Amino acid sequence: MTTTTPLRWADADDPIASRMIFVSATADARERNQLVPAWNLYQGGCLPLLRERLAKHPRHRGRVRLISAEYGLLHPHTQVPPSISRMSVKRAGQLRPRACRALMDEVSRHGVPLEVMMLAEHPYHLVVTDLYDIPGMQPHTSLRTPLPGEHWSLIAAVLDTWGWP
């Protein structure tokens, strides 16, 4: 991964801008026939609990990225139709270049996050493995779990230490 623009770190004094969460987007509600914010579409893993916790905090939600087998890396408010794709190692590899470009755009606009939380089952996490290869980016991983649906108490504890609602 190369960049011609020097990257800057996110503001360490801003507990929201200096952190990001990456979460696998699984188990969508297929009965919907319309565009839906990605944040509301996916029902698997820890996303329902995360959605509940951040419901009244749009700025915090804005620091979450969903990893979708159909669409790749999504901002929570991106409108998408229900999907039928399943994540595989091959599919993660196909999505990885686009996700890498999205990550580069993200850090060039908002700065390199100081801390990240990776809440992604295998192979979803493979879509964003370039996160740690961005030049000058060595964020502290506050929590990395391949079983986010089973580790909510750990996730909530990290959010508490971050000062997130």
Foldseek 3Di string as FASTA:
>chain_A
DDDPDDFAAFPPVDLQLQEAEEAEFDDFDQVDDFWDQSLPGGDDFCSVVVCVQCVPPVSNLQRYWYAYLVPGTHRRRDTDHDDDGDDDPVSLVVLQVVVLVVLVVSRRVRNAHQEYEYHAAPPSVSSDPCSCVDPPHDHHYQYHDNRRNPPVVSVVVSCVVSVRD
